[in-house]
PDB file of N, CA and C in Angstrom:
ATOM      1  N   MET A   1       6.158 -14.219 121.824  1.00  0.00           N
ATOM      2  CA  MET A   1       7.338 -15.224 121.864  1.00  0.00           C
ATOM      3  C   MET A   1       8.713 -15.120 121.152  1.00  0.00           C
ATOM      4  N   ALA A   2       8.484 -14.008 120.070  1.00  0.00           N
ATOM      5  CA  ALA A   2       9.476 -13.807 119.277  1.00  0.00           C
ATOM      6  C   ALA A   2      10.599 -12.960 120.172  1.00  0.00           C
ATOM      7  N   PHE A   3      10.224 -12.415 120.960  1.00  0.00           N
ATOM      8  CA  PHE A   3      11.036 -11.514 121.741  1.00  0.00           C
ATOM      9  C   PHE A   3      11.552 -11.981 123.473  1.00  0.00           C
ATOM     10  N   VAL A   4      11.089 -13.490 123.185  1.00  0.00           N
ATOM     11  CA  VAL A   4      11.702 -14.191 124.537  1.00  0.00           C
ATOM     12  C   VAL A   4      12.940 -14.818 124.163  1.00  0.00           C
ATOM     13  N   GLY A   5      13.643 -14.871 125.135  1.00  0.00           N
ATOM     14  CA  GLY A   5      14.989 -15.348 124.803  1.00  0.00           C
ATOM     15  C   GLY A   5      14.893 -17.017 124.762  1.00  0.00           C
ATOM     16  N   LEU A   6      14.136 -17.731 124.307  1.00  0.00           N
ATOM     17  CA  LEU A   6      13.881 -19.119 124.311  1.00  0.00           C
ATOM     18  C   LEU A   6      14.625 -19.650 123.082  1.00  0.00           C
ATOM     19  N   PRO A   7      14.861 -20.915 123.172  1.00  0.00           N
ATOM     20  CA  PRO A   7      15.266 -21.743 121.986  1.00  0.00           C
ATOM     21  C   PRO A   7      14.089 -21.560 120.701  1.00  0.00           C
ATOM     22  N   TRP A   8      14.479 -21.655 119.578  1.00  0.00           N
ATOM     23  CA  TRP A   8      13.451 -21.747 118.572  1.00  0.00           C
ATOM     24  C   TRP A   8      12.756 -22.748 118.421  1.00  0.00           C
ATOM     25  N   LEU A   9      13.159 -23.811 118.903  1.00  0.00           N
ATOM     26  CA  LEU A   9      11.968 -25.045 118.961  1.00  0.00           C
ATOM     27  C   LEU A   9      10.857 -24.848 119.841  1.00  0.00           C
ATOM     28  N   THR A  10      11.156 -24.171 121.029  1.00  0.00           N
ATOM     29  CA  THR A  10      10.111 -23.875 122.058  1.00  0.00           C
ATOM     30  C   THR A  10       9.319 -22.799 121.161  1.00  0.00           C
ATOM     31  N   LYS A  11       9.869 -21.748 120.725  1.00  0.00           N
ATOM     32  CA  LYS A  11       8.998 -21.071 120.163  1.00  0.00           C
ATOM     33  C   LYS A  11       8.043 -21.314 119.014  1.00  0.00           C
ATOM     34  N   VAL A  12       8.444 -22.522 118.063  1.00  0.00           N
ATOM     35  CA  VAL A  12       7.737 -23.056 117.129  1.00  0.00           C
ATOM     36  C   VAL A  12       6.928 -23.753 117.758  1.00  0.00           C
ATOM     37  N   LEU A  13       6.763 -24.423 118.877  1.00  0.00           N
ATOM     38  CA  LEU A  13       6.029 -25.455 119.425  1.00  0.00           C
ATOM     39  C   LEU A  13       4.930 -24.698 120.173  1.00  0.00           C
ATOM     40  N   ALA A  14       5.401 -23.393 120.440  1.00  0.00           N
ATOM     41  CA  ALA A  14       4.539 -22.311 121.607  1.00  0.00           C
ATOM     42  C   ALA A  14       3.348 -21.872 120.020  1.00  0.00           C
ATOM     43  N   VAL A  15       3.918 -21.832 118.936  1.00  0.00           N
ATOM     44  CA  VAL A  15       3.155 -21.146 117.685  1.00  0.00           C
ATOM     45  C   VAL A  15       1.884 -22.176 117.189  1.00  0.00           C
ATOM     46  N   LEU A  16       2.653 -23.419 117.483  1.00  0.00           N
ATOM     47  CA  LEU A  16       1.895 -24.719 116.822  1.00  0.00           C
ATOM     48  C   LEU A  16       0.712 -25.200 117.922  1.00  0.00           C
ATOM     49  N   ALA A  17       1.158 -24.965 119.086  1.00  0.00           N
ATOM     50  CA  ALA A  17       0.226 -25.051 120.102  1.00  0.00           C
ATOM     51  C   ALA A  17      -1.044 -23.985 119.947  1.00  0.00           C
ATOM     52  N   THR A  18      -0.432 -22.691 119.570  1.00  0.00           N
ATOM     53  CA  THR A  18      -1.759 -21.414 119.554  1.00  0.00           C
ATOM     54  C   THR A  18      -2.521 -21.939 118.643  1.00  0.00           C
ATOM     55  N   LEU A  19      -1.725 -22.364 117.305  1.00  0.00           N
ATOM     56  CA  LEU A  19      -2.663 -22.534 116.026  1.00  0.00           C
ATOM     57  C   LEU A  19      -3.581 -23.839 116.272  1.00  0.00           C
ATOM     58  N   GLY A  20      -3.145 -25.061 116.764  1.00  0.00           N
ATOM     59  CA  GLY A  20      -3.962 -25.964 117.395  1.00  0.00           C
ATOM     60  C   GLY A  20      -5.210 -26.126 118.297  1.00  0.00           C
ATOM     61  N   HIS A  21      -5.009 -25.020 119.006  1.00  0.00           N
ATOM     62  CA  HIS A  21      -6.045 -24.406 119.805  1.00  0.00           C
ATOM     63  C   HIS A  21      -6.815 -23.885 119.343  1.00  0.00           C
ATOM     64  N   GLY A  22      -6.720 -22.833 118.244  1.00  0.00           N
ATOM     65  CA  GLY A  22      -7.403 -22.120 117.416  1.00  0.00           C
ATOM     66  C   GLY A  22      -8.276 -23.019 116.724  1.00  0.00           C
ATOM     67  N   VAL A  23      -7.751 -24.071 116.272  1.00  0.00           N
ATOM     68  CA  VAL A  23      -8.567 -25.350 115.525  1.00  0.00           C
ATOM     69  C   VAL A  23      -9.654 -25.671 116.523  1.00  0.00           C
ATOM     70  N   VAL A  24      -8.925 -26.721 117.438  1.00  0.00           N
ATOM     71  CA  VAL A  24     -10.030 -27.209 118.383  1.00  0.00           C
ATOM     72  C   VAL A  24     -11.140 -26.548 118.929  1.00  0.00           C
ATOM     73  N   ARG A  25     -10.915 -25.265 119.496  1.00  0.00           N
ATOM     74  CA  ARG A  25     -11.607 -24.561 120.278  1.00  0.00           C
ATOM     75  C   ARG A  25     -12.490 -23.460 119.554  1.00  0.00           C
ATOM     76  N   ARG A  26     -12.538 -23.674 118.091  1.00  0.00           N
ATOM     77  CA  ARG A  26     -13.182 -22.788 117.196  1.00  0.00           C
ATOM     78  C   ARG A  26     -14.584 -22.462 117.793  1.00  0.00           C
ATOM     79  N   PRO A  27     -15.144 -21.089 117.787  1.00  0.00           N
ATOM     80  CA  PRO A  27     -16.316 -21.191 118.141  1.00  0.00           C
ATOM     81  C   PRO A  27     -17.514 -21.176 117.460  1.00  0.00           C
ATOM     82  N   PRO A  28     -18.724 -21.576 117.543  1.00  0.00           N
ATOM     83  CA  PRO A  28     -20.041 -22.102 116.850  1.00  0.00           C
ATOM     84  C   PRO A  28     -19.989 -20.861 115.615  1.00  0.00           C
ATOM     85  N   PRO A  29     -20.854 -21.383 114.548  1.00  0.00           N
ATOM     86  CA  PRO A  29     -20.874 -20.447 113.542  1.00  0.00           C
ATOM     87  C   PRO A  29     -21.896 -19.277 114.098  1.00  0.00           C
ATOM     88  N   VAL A  30     -21.784 -18.204 113.588  1.00  0.00           N
ATOM     89  CA  VAL A  30     -22.547 -16.736 113.760  1.00  0.00           C
ATOM     90  C   VAL A  30     -24.301 -17.289 112.944  1.00  0.00           C
ATOM     91  N   ALA A  31     -24.968 -16.492 113.878  1.00  0.00           N
ATOM     92  CA  ALA A  31     -26.530 -16.953 113.431  1.00  0.00           C
ATOM     93  C   ALA A  31     -26.621 -16.024 112.349  1.00  0.00           C
ATOM     94  N   ALA A  32     -27.155 -16.369 110.993  1.00  0.00           N
ATOM     95  CA  ALA A  32     -27.464 -15.419 109.997  1.00  0.00           C
ATOM     96  C   ALA A  32     -28.714 -14.323 110.440  1.00  0.00           C
ATOM     97  N   ALA A  33     -29.342 -15.232 110.993  1.00  0.00           N
ATOM     98  CA  ALA A  33     -30.831 -14.136 111.192  1.00  0.00           C
ATOM     99  C   ALA A  33     -31.158 -13.979 112.373  1.00  0.00           C
ATOM    100  N   ILE A  34     -31.737 -13.239 113.062  1.00  0.00           N
ATOM    101  CA  ILE A  34     -32.580 -13.367 114.182  1.00  0.00           C
ATOM    102  C   ILE A  34     -33.961 -12.583 114.056  1.00  0.00           C
ATOM    103  N   VAL A  35     -34.993 -13.357 114.343  1.00  0.00           N
ATOM    104  CA  VAL A  35     -36.358 -12.682 114.199  1.00  0.00           C
ATOM    105  C   VAL A  35     -36.751 -12.347 115.712  1.00  0.00           C
ATOM    106  N   VAL A  36     -37.025 -11.083 115.828  1.00  0.00           N
ATOM    107  CA  VAL A  36     -37.262 -10.238 116.961  1.00  0.00           C
ATOM    108  C   VAL A  36     -38.864 -10.094 116.849  1.00  0.00           C
ATOM    109  N   ALA A  37     -39.763 -10.591 117.885  1.00  0.00           N
ATOM    110  CA  ALA A  37     -41.300 -10.220 117.741  1.00  0.00           C
ATOM    111  C   ALA A  37     -41.310  -8.832 118.380  1.00  0.00           C
ATOM    112  N   ALA A  38     -42.764  -8.219 118.154  1.00  0.00           N
ATOM    113  CA  ALA A  38     -42.705  -7.067 118.726  1.00  0.00           C
ATOM    114  C   ALA A  38     -43.079  -7.533 120.501  1.00  0.00           C
ATOM    115  N   ASP A  39     -43.062  -8.467 121.167  1.00  0.00           N
ATOM    116  CA  ASP A  39     -43.055  -8.764 122.213  1.00  0.00           C
ATOM    117  C   ASP A  39     -41.577  -8.873 122.837  1.00  0.00           C
ATOM    118  N   GLY A  40     -40.468  -8.957 121.957  1.00  0.00           N
ATOM    119  CA  GLY A  40     -39.249  -9.112 122.413  1.00  0.00           C
ATOM    120  C   GLY A  40     -38.682 -10.349 122.611  1.00  0.00           C
ATOM    121  N   SER A  41     -39.757 -11.599 122.162  1.00  0.00           N
ATOM    122  CA  SER A  41     -39.364 -12.756 121.997  1.00  0.00           C
ATOM    123  C   SER A  41     -38.441 -13.125 120.430  1.00  0.00           C
ATOM    124  N   CYS A  42     -37.589 -13.896 120.434  1.00  0.00           N
ATOM    125  CA  CYS A  42     -36.693 -14.068 119.261  1.00  0.00           C
ATOM    126  C   CYS A  42     -36.642 -15.292 118.849  1.00  0.00           C
ATOM    127  N   CYS A  43     -36.334 -15.870 117.812  1.00  0.00           N
ATOM    128  CA  CYS A  43     -36.349 -16.705 117.106  1.00  0.00           C
ATOM    129  C   CYS A  43     -35.001 -16.644 116.212  1.00  0.00           C
ATOM    130  N   VAL A  44     -34.450 -17.690 116.388  1.00  0.00           N
ATOM    131  CA  VAL A  44     -32.932 -18.066 115.741  1.00  0.00           C
ATOM    132  C   VAL A  44     -33.037 -19.519 114.824  1.00  0.00           C
ATOM    133  N   PRO A  45     -33.500 -19.197 113.326  1.00  0.00           N
ATOM    134  CA  PRO A  45     -33.384 -20.174 112.613  1.00  0.00           C
ATOM    135  C   PRO A  45     -32.177 -21.263 112.438  1.00  0.00           C
ATOM    136  N   ALA A  46     -31.394 -20.509 112.667  1.00  0.00           N
ATOM    137  CA  ALA A  46     -30.088 -21.608 112.454  1.00  0.00           C
ATOM    138  C   ALA A  46     -29.956 -22.370 113.475  1.00  0.00           C
ATOM    139  N   PHE A  47     -30.642 -22.241 114.648  1.00  0.00           N
ATOM    140  CA  PHE A  47     -30.535 -22.956 116.024  1.00  0.00           C
ATOM    141  C   PHE A  47     -31.723 -23.779 116.141  1.00  0.00           C
ATOM    142  N   GLY A  48     -33.043 -23.722 115.186  1.00  0.00           N
ATOM    143  CA  GLY A  48     -34.299 -24.521 115.134  1.00  0.00           C
ATOM    144  C   GLY A  48     -34.799 -24.871 116.378  1.00  0.00           C
ATOM    145  N   GLN A  49     -34.743 -24.171 117.480  1.00  0.00           N
ATOM    146  CA  GLN A  49     -35.434 -24.368 119.037  1.00  0.00           C
ATOM    147  C   GLN A  49     -36.643 -23.761 118.923  1.00  0.00           C
ATOM    148  N   GLY A  50     -37.028 -22.850 118.152  1.00  0.00           N
ATOM    149  CA  GLY A  50     -38.336 -22.277 118.473  1.00  0.00           C
ATOM    150  C   GLY A  50     -37.959 -20.874 118.882  1.00  0.00           C
ATOM    151  N   TRP A  51     -38.898 -20.141 119.901  1.00  0.00           N
ATOM    152  CA  TRP A  51     -38.741 -18.941 120.137  1.00  0.00           C
ATOM    153  C   TRP A  51     -38.165 -18.681 121.491  1.00  0.00           C
ATOM    154  N   PHE A  52     -37.272 -17.834 121.902  1.00  0.00           N
ATOM    155  CA  PHE A  52     -36.618 -17.608 122.954  1.00  0.00           C
ATOM    156  C   PHE A  52     -37.567 -16.349 123.463  1.00  0.00           C
ATOM    157  N   VAL A  53     -37.389 -16.352 124.768  1.00  0.00           N
ATOM    158  CA  VAL A  53     -38.137 -15.124 125.751  1.00  0.00           C
ATOM    159  C   VAL A  53     -36.906 -14.719 126.188  1.00  0.00           C
ATOM    160  N   LEU A  54     -36.694 -13.140 126.385  1.00  0.00           N
ATOM    161  CA  LEU A  54     -35.607 -12.546 126.927  1.00  0.00           C
ATOM    162  C   LEU A  54     -35.315 -13.088 128.485  1.00  0.00           C
ATOM    163  N   GLY A  55     -33.992 -13.067 128.452  1.00  0.00           N
ATOM    164  CA  GLY A  55     -33.693 -13.520 130.166  1.00  0.00           C
ATOM    165  C   GLY A  55     -33.147 -12.182 130.983  1.00  0.00           C
ATOM    166  N   PRO A  56     -33.240 -12.496 132.251  1.00  0.00           N
ATOM    167  CA  PRO A  56     -32.840 -11.341 133.083  1.00  0.00           C
ATOM    168  C   PRO A  56     -31.359 -10.783 132.530  1.00  0.00           C
ATOM    169  N   ARG A  57     -30.470 -11.448 131.966  1.00  0.00           N
ATOM    170  CA  ARG A  57     -29.210 -10.641 131.594  1.00  0.00           C
ATOM    171  C   ARG A  57     -28.939  -9.950 130.228  1.00  0.00           C
ATOM    172  N   THR A  58     -30.315  -9.878 129.842  1.00  0.00           N
ATOM    173  CA  THR A  58     -30.247  -9.003 128.832  1.00  0.00           C
ATOM    174  C   THR A  58     -29.800  -7.554 128.733  1.00  0.00           C
ATOM    175  N   ARG A  59     -28.712  -6.753 128.114  1.00  0.00           N
ATOM    176  CA  ARG A  59     -28.339  -5.478 128.517  1.00  0.00           C
ATOM    177  C   ARG A  59     -28.465  -5.081 127.055  1.00  0.00           C
ATOM    178  N   LEU A  60     -29.002  -3.649 127.117  1.00  0.00           N
ATOM    179  CA  LEU A  60     -28.928  -2.599 125.863  1.00  0.00           C
ATOM    180  C   LEU A  60     -28.106  -1.502 126.502  1.00  0.00           C
ATOM    181  N   THR A  61     -27.535  -1.165 125.427  1.00  0.00           N
ATOM    182  CA  THR A  61     -26.439   0.069 125.202  1.00  0.00           C
ATOM    183  C   THR A  61     -26.434   0.835 123.758  1.00  0.00           C
ATOM    184  N   THR A  62     -25.778   1.867 123.910  1.00  0.00           N
ATOM    185  CA  THR A  62     -25.839   2.667 122.686  1.00  0.00           C
ATOM    186  C   THR A  62     -25.070   1.976 121.616  1.00  0.00           C
ATOM    187  N   SER A  63     -23.968   1.367 121.896  1.00  0.00           N
ATOM    188  CA  SER A  63     -23.018   0.765 120.789  1.00  0.00           C
ATOM    189  C   SER A  63     -23.260  -1.010 120.771  1.00  0.00           C
ATOM    190  N   TRP A  64     -23.949  -1.847 122.007  1.00  0.00           N
ATOM    191  CA  TRP A  64     -24.341  -3.269 121.728  1.00  0.00           C
ATOM    192  C   TRP A  64     -25.096  -3.489 122.470  1.00  0.00           C
ATOM    193  N   ILE A  65     -26.000  -4.723 121.893  1.00  0.00           N
ATOM    194  CA  ILE A  65     -26.857  -5.454 122.809  1.00  0.00           C
ATOM    195  C   ILE A  65     -26.500  -6.727 123.081  1.00  0.00           C
ATOM    196  N   ARG A  66     -26.620  -7.263 124.060  1.00  0.00           N
ATOM    197  CA  ARG A  66     -26.492  -8.716 124.695  1.00  0.00           C
ATOM    198  C   ARG A  66     -27.927  -9.088 125.041  1.00  0.00           C
ATOM    199  N   LEU A  67     -28.421 -10.325 124.307  1.00  0.00           N
ATOM    200  CA  LEU A  67     -29.578 -10.891 124.090  1.00  0.00           C
ATOM    201  C   LEU A  67     -29.110 -12.291 125.044  1.00  0.00           C
ATOM    202  N   ASP A  68     -30.232 -12.184 126.116  1.00  0.00           N
ATOM    203  CA  ASP A  68     -30.032 -13.512 127.046  1.00  0.00           C
ATOM    204  C   ASP A  68     -31.280 -14.247 126.669  1.00  0.00           C
ATOM    205  N   LEU A  69     -31.115 -15.165 125.644  1.00  0.00           N
ATOM    206  CA  LEU A  69     -32.458 -15.703 125.172  1.00  0.00           C
ATOM    207  C   LEU A  69     -32.348 -17.164 125.791  1.00  0.00           C
ATOM    208  N   ARG A  70     -33.653 -17.662 126.179  1.00  0.00           N
ATOM    209  CA  ARG A  70     -33.930 -18.605 126.977  1.00  0.00           C
ATOM    210  C   ARG A  70     -35.103 -19.411 126.554  1.00  0.00           C
ATOM    211  N   ALA A  71     -35.193 -20.707 126.222  1.00  0.00           N
ATOM    212  CA  ALA A  71     -36.520 -21.514 125.895  1.00  0.00           C
ATOM    213  C   ALA A  71     -36.226 -23.012 126.728  1.00  0.00           C
ATOM    214  N   PRO A  72     -37.645 -23.373 126.684  1.00  0.00           N
ATOM    215  CA  PRO A  72     -37.602 -24.704 127.271  1.00  0.00           C
ATOM    216  C   PRO A  72     -36.512 -25.776 127.140  1.00  0.00           C
ATOM    217  N   LEU A  73     -35.931 -25.817 126.241  1.00  0.00           N
ATOM    218  CA  LEU A  73     -34.813 -26.813 125.555  1.00  0.00           C
ATOM    219  C   LEU A  73     -33.350 -26.097 125.370  1.00  0.00           C
ATOM    220  N   GLY A  74     -33.556 -25.103 125.848  1.00  0.00           N
ATOM    221  CA  GLY A  74     -31.683 -24.291 125.965  1.00  0.00           C
ATOM    222  C   GLY A  74     -31.847 -22.805 125.852  1.00  0.00           C
ATOM    223  N   ARG A  75     -30.591 -22.525 125.883  1.00  0.00           N
ATOM    224  CA  ARG A  75     -30.270 -21.147 126.316  1.00  0.00           C
ATOM    225  C   ARG A  75     -29.200 -20.285 125.238  1.00  0.00           C
ATOM    226  N   LEU A  76     -29.764 -19.176 124.761  1.00  0.00           N
ATOM    227  CA  LEU A  76     -28.455 -18.772 124.152  1.00  0.00           C
ATOM    228  C   LEU A  76     -28.093 -17.397 124.661  1.00  0.00           C
ATOM    229  N   ASP A  77     -27.042 -17.013 124.030  1.00  0.00           N
ATOM    230  CA  ASP A  77     -25.970 -15.841 124.842  1.00  0.00           C
ATOM    231  C   ASP A  77     -25.371 -15.005 123.389  1.00  0.00           C
ATOM    232  N   ILE A  78     -26.116 -14.173 123.016  1.00  0.00           N
ATOM    233  CA  ILE A  78     -25.735 -13.389 121.508  1.00  0.00           C
ATOM    234  C   ILE A  78     -25.268 -11.991 121.857  1.00  0.00           C
ATOM    235  N   VAL A  79     -24.439 -11.477 121.376  1.00  0.00           N
ATOM    236  CA  VAL A  79     -23.997 -10.065 121.672  1.00  0.00           C
ATOM    237  C   VAL A  79     -24.032  -9.482 120.217  1.00  0.00           C
ATOM    238  N   LEU A  80     -24.646  -8.402 120.007  1.00  0.00           N
ATOM    239  CA  LEU A  80     -24.844  -7.681 118.602  1.00  0.00           C
ATOM    240  C   LEU A  80     -23.986  -6.416 118.944  1.00  0.00           C
ATOM    241  N   LEU A  81     -23.222  -5.821 117.584  1.00  0.00           N
ATOM    242  CA  LEU A  81     -22.550  -4.765 118.010  1.00  0.00           C
ATOM    243  C   LEU A  81     -23.315  -3.863 116.888  1.00  0.00           C
ATOM    244  N   LYS A  82     -23.398  -2.473 117.382  1.00  0.00           N
ATOM    245  CA  LYS A  82     -23.836  -1.703 116.390  1.00  0.00           C
ATOM    246  C   LYS A  82     -23.326  -1.498 114.899  1.00  0.00           C
ATOM    247  N   ASP A  83     -22.032  -1.694 114.420  1.00  0.00           N
ATOM    248  CA  ASP A  83     -21.734  -1.651 113.082  1.00  0.00           C
ATOM    249  C   ASP A  83     -21.915  -2.895 112.419  1.00  0.00           C
ATOM    250  N   GLN A  84     -22.559  -4.145 113.307  1.00  0.00           N
ATOM    251  CA  GLN A  84     -23.355  -5.225 112.303  1.00  0.00           C
ATOM    252  C   GLN A  84     -24.651  -4.912 111.513  1.00  0.00           C
ATOM    253  N   LEU A  85     -25.211  -3.972 111.931  1.00  0.00           N
ATOM    254  CA  LEU A  85     -26.656  -3.435 111.403  1.00  0.00           C
ATOM    255  C   LEU A  85     -26.404  -2.246 110.928  1.00  0.00           C
ATOM    256  N   GLY A  86     -27.591  -2.211 109.830  1.00  0.00           N
ATOM    257  CA  GLY A  86     -27.423  -0.543 109.449  1.00  0.00           C
ATOM    258  C   GLY A  86     -28.296   0.657 110.470  1.00  0.00           C
ATOM    259  N   PRO A  87     -28.067   1.542 110.268  1.00  0.00           N
ATOM    260  CA  PRO A  87     -28.542   2.382 111.164  1.00  0.00           C
ATOM    261  C   PRO A  87     -30.102   2.385 111.380  1.00  0.00           C
ATOM    262  N   GLU A  88     -31.013   2.306 109.952  1.00  0.00           N
ATOM    263  CA  GLU A  88     -32.378   1.803 110.469  1.00  0.00           C
ATOM    264  C   GLU A  88     -32.915   0.885 111.188  1.00  0.00           C
ATOM    265  N   ASP A  89     -31.925  -0.566 110.925  1.00  0.00           N
ATOM    266  CA  ASP A  89     -32.094  -1.763 111.554  1.00  0.00           C
ATOM    267  C   ASP A  89     -31.781  -1.688 113.318  1.00  0.00           C
ATOM    268  N   TRP A  90     -30.820  -1.151 113.477  1.00  0.00           N
ATOM    269  CA  TRP A  90     -30.280  -0.760 114.563  1.00  0.00           C
ATOM    270  C   TRP A  90     -31.212   0.059 115.724  1.00  0.00           C
ATOM    271  N   SER A  91     -31.799   0.909 114.851  1.00  0.00           N
ATOM    272  CA  SER A  91     -32.882   1.903 115.908  1.00  0.00           C
ATOM    273  C   SER A  91     -34.365   0.937 116.025  1.00  0.00           C
ATOM    274  N   ARG A  92     -34.569   0.155 115.039  1.00  0.00           N
ATOM    275  CA  ARG A  92     -36.125  -0.509 115.181  1.00  0.00           C
ATOM    276  C   ARG A  92     -35.504  -1.602 116.036  1.00  0.00           C
ATOM    277  N   LEU A  93     -34.443  -2.241 116.313  1.00  0.00           N
ATOM    278  CA  LEU A  93     -34.352  -3.306 117.109  1.00  0.00           C
ATOM    279  C   LEU A  93     -34.183  -2.767 118.645  1.00  0.00           C
ATOM    280  N   SER A  94     -33.314  -1.640 118.905  1.00  0.00           N
ATOM    281  CA  SER A  94     -33.189  -1.213 120.121  1.00  0.00           C
ATOM    282  C   SER A  94     -34.682  -0.659 120.784  1.00  0.00           C
ATOM    283  N   ALA A  95     -35.411   0.001 119.548  1.00  0.00           N
ATOM    284  CA  ALA A  95     -36.690   0.310 120.430  1.00  0.00           C
ATOM    285  C   ALA A  95     -37.276  -0.802 120.802  1.00  0.00           C
ATOM    286  N   ARG A  96     -37.611  -1.892 119.574  1.00  0.00           N
ATOM    287  CA  ARG A  96     -38.657  -3.213 120.246  1.00  0.00           C
ATOM    288  C   ARG A  96     -37.997  -3.783 121.628  1.00  0.00           C
ATOM    289  N   LEU A  97     -36.533  -3.820 121.586  1.00  0.00           N
ATOM    290  CA  LEU A  97     -36.179  -4.529 122.863  1.00  0.00           C
ATOM    291  C   LEU A  97     -36.339  -3.766 124.087  1.00  0.00           C
ATOM    292  N   ARG A  98     -36.158  -2.390 123.920  1.00  0.00           N
ATOM    293  CA  ARG A  98     -36.252  -1.439 125.060  1.00  0.00           C
ATOM    294  C   ARG A  98     -37.600  -1.566 125.562  1.00  0.00           C
ATOM    295  N   ARG A  99     -38.817  -1.785 124.681  1.00  0.00           N
ATOM    296  CA  ARG A  99     -40.046  -1.870 124.866  1.00  0.00           C
ATOM    297  C   ARG A  99     -40.473  -3.294 126.039  1.00  0.00           C
ATOM    298  N   ALA A 100     -39.717  -3.835 125.254  1.00  0.00           N
ATOM    299  CA  ALA A 100     -39.779  -5.563 125.704  1.00  0.00           C
ATOM    300  C   ALA A 100     -39.032  -5.644 127.388  1.00  0.00           C
ATOM    301  N   VAL A 101     -38.113  -4.691 127.415  1.00  0.00           N
ATOM    302  CA  VAL A 101     -37.279  -5.337 128.608  1.00  0.00           C
ATOM    303  C   VAL A 101     -37.971  -4.224 129.507  1.00  0.00           C
ATOM    304  N   VAL A 102     -38.699  -2.919 129.291  1.00  0.00           N
ATOM    305  CA  VAL A 102     -39.266  -2.443 130.389  1.00  0.00           C
ATOM    306  C   VAL A 102     -40.826  -2.964 130.485  1.00  0.00           C
ATOM    307  N   GLN A 103     -41.279  -3.601 129.768  1.00  0.00           N
ATOM    308  CA  GLN A 103     -42.579  -4.155 130.258  1.00  0.00           C
ATOM    309  C   GLN A 103     -42.386  -5.144 131.452  1.00  0.00           C
TER     310      GLN A 103
END
């Protein structure tokens, strides 16, 4: 907006609208812990809905993992990036989820 030839009032309103949108549409808090069992089922204590099973949209790559978690009471979609975990934790999580997805 700074480089567009609009009046300064329009630019200020655009900035305020952007800030307001950021406050109103704030994303939910990030889960502090995700517990993954040997069979690939997951528990997210922050959401308190018990254990989730992996859904069909779960994806595993070398740099990110998308968990499509499903439970009778709801559904979660969580994306984990490789740099969010230590190398050993990332390897263990990837291996456990690969075994669970293949089965």
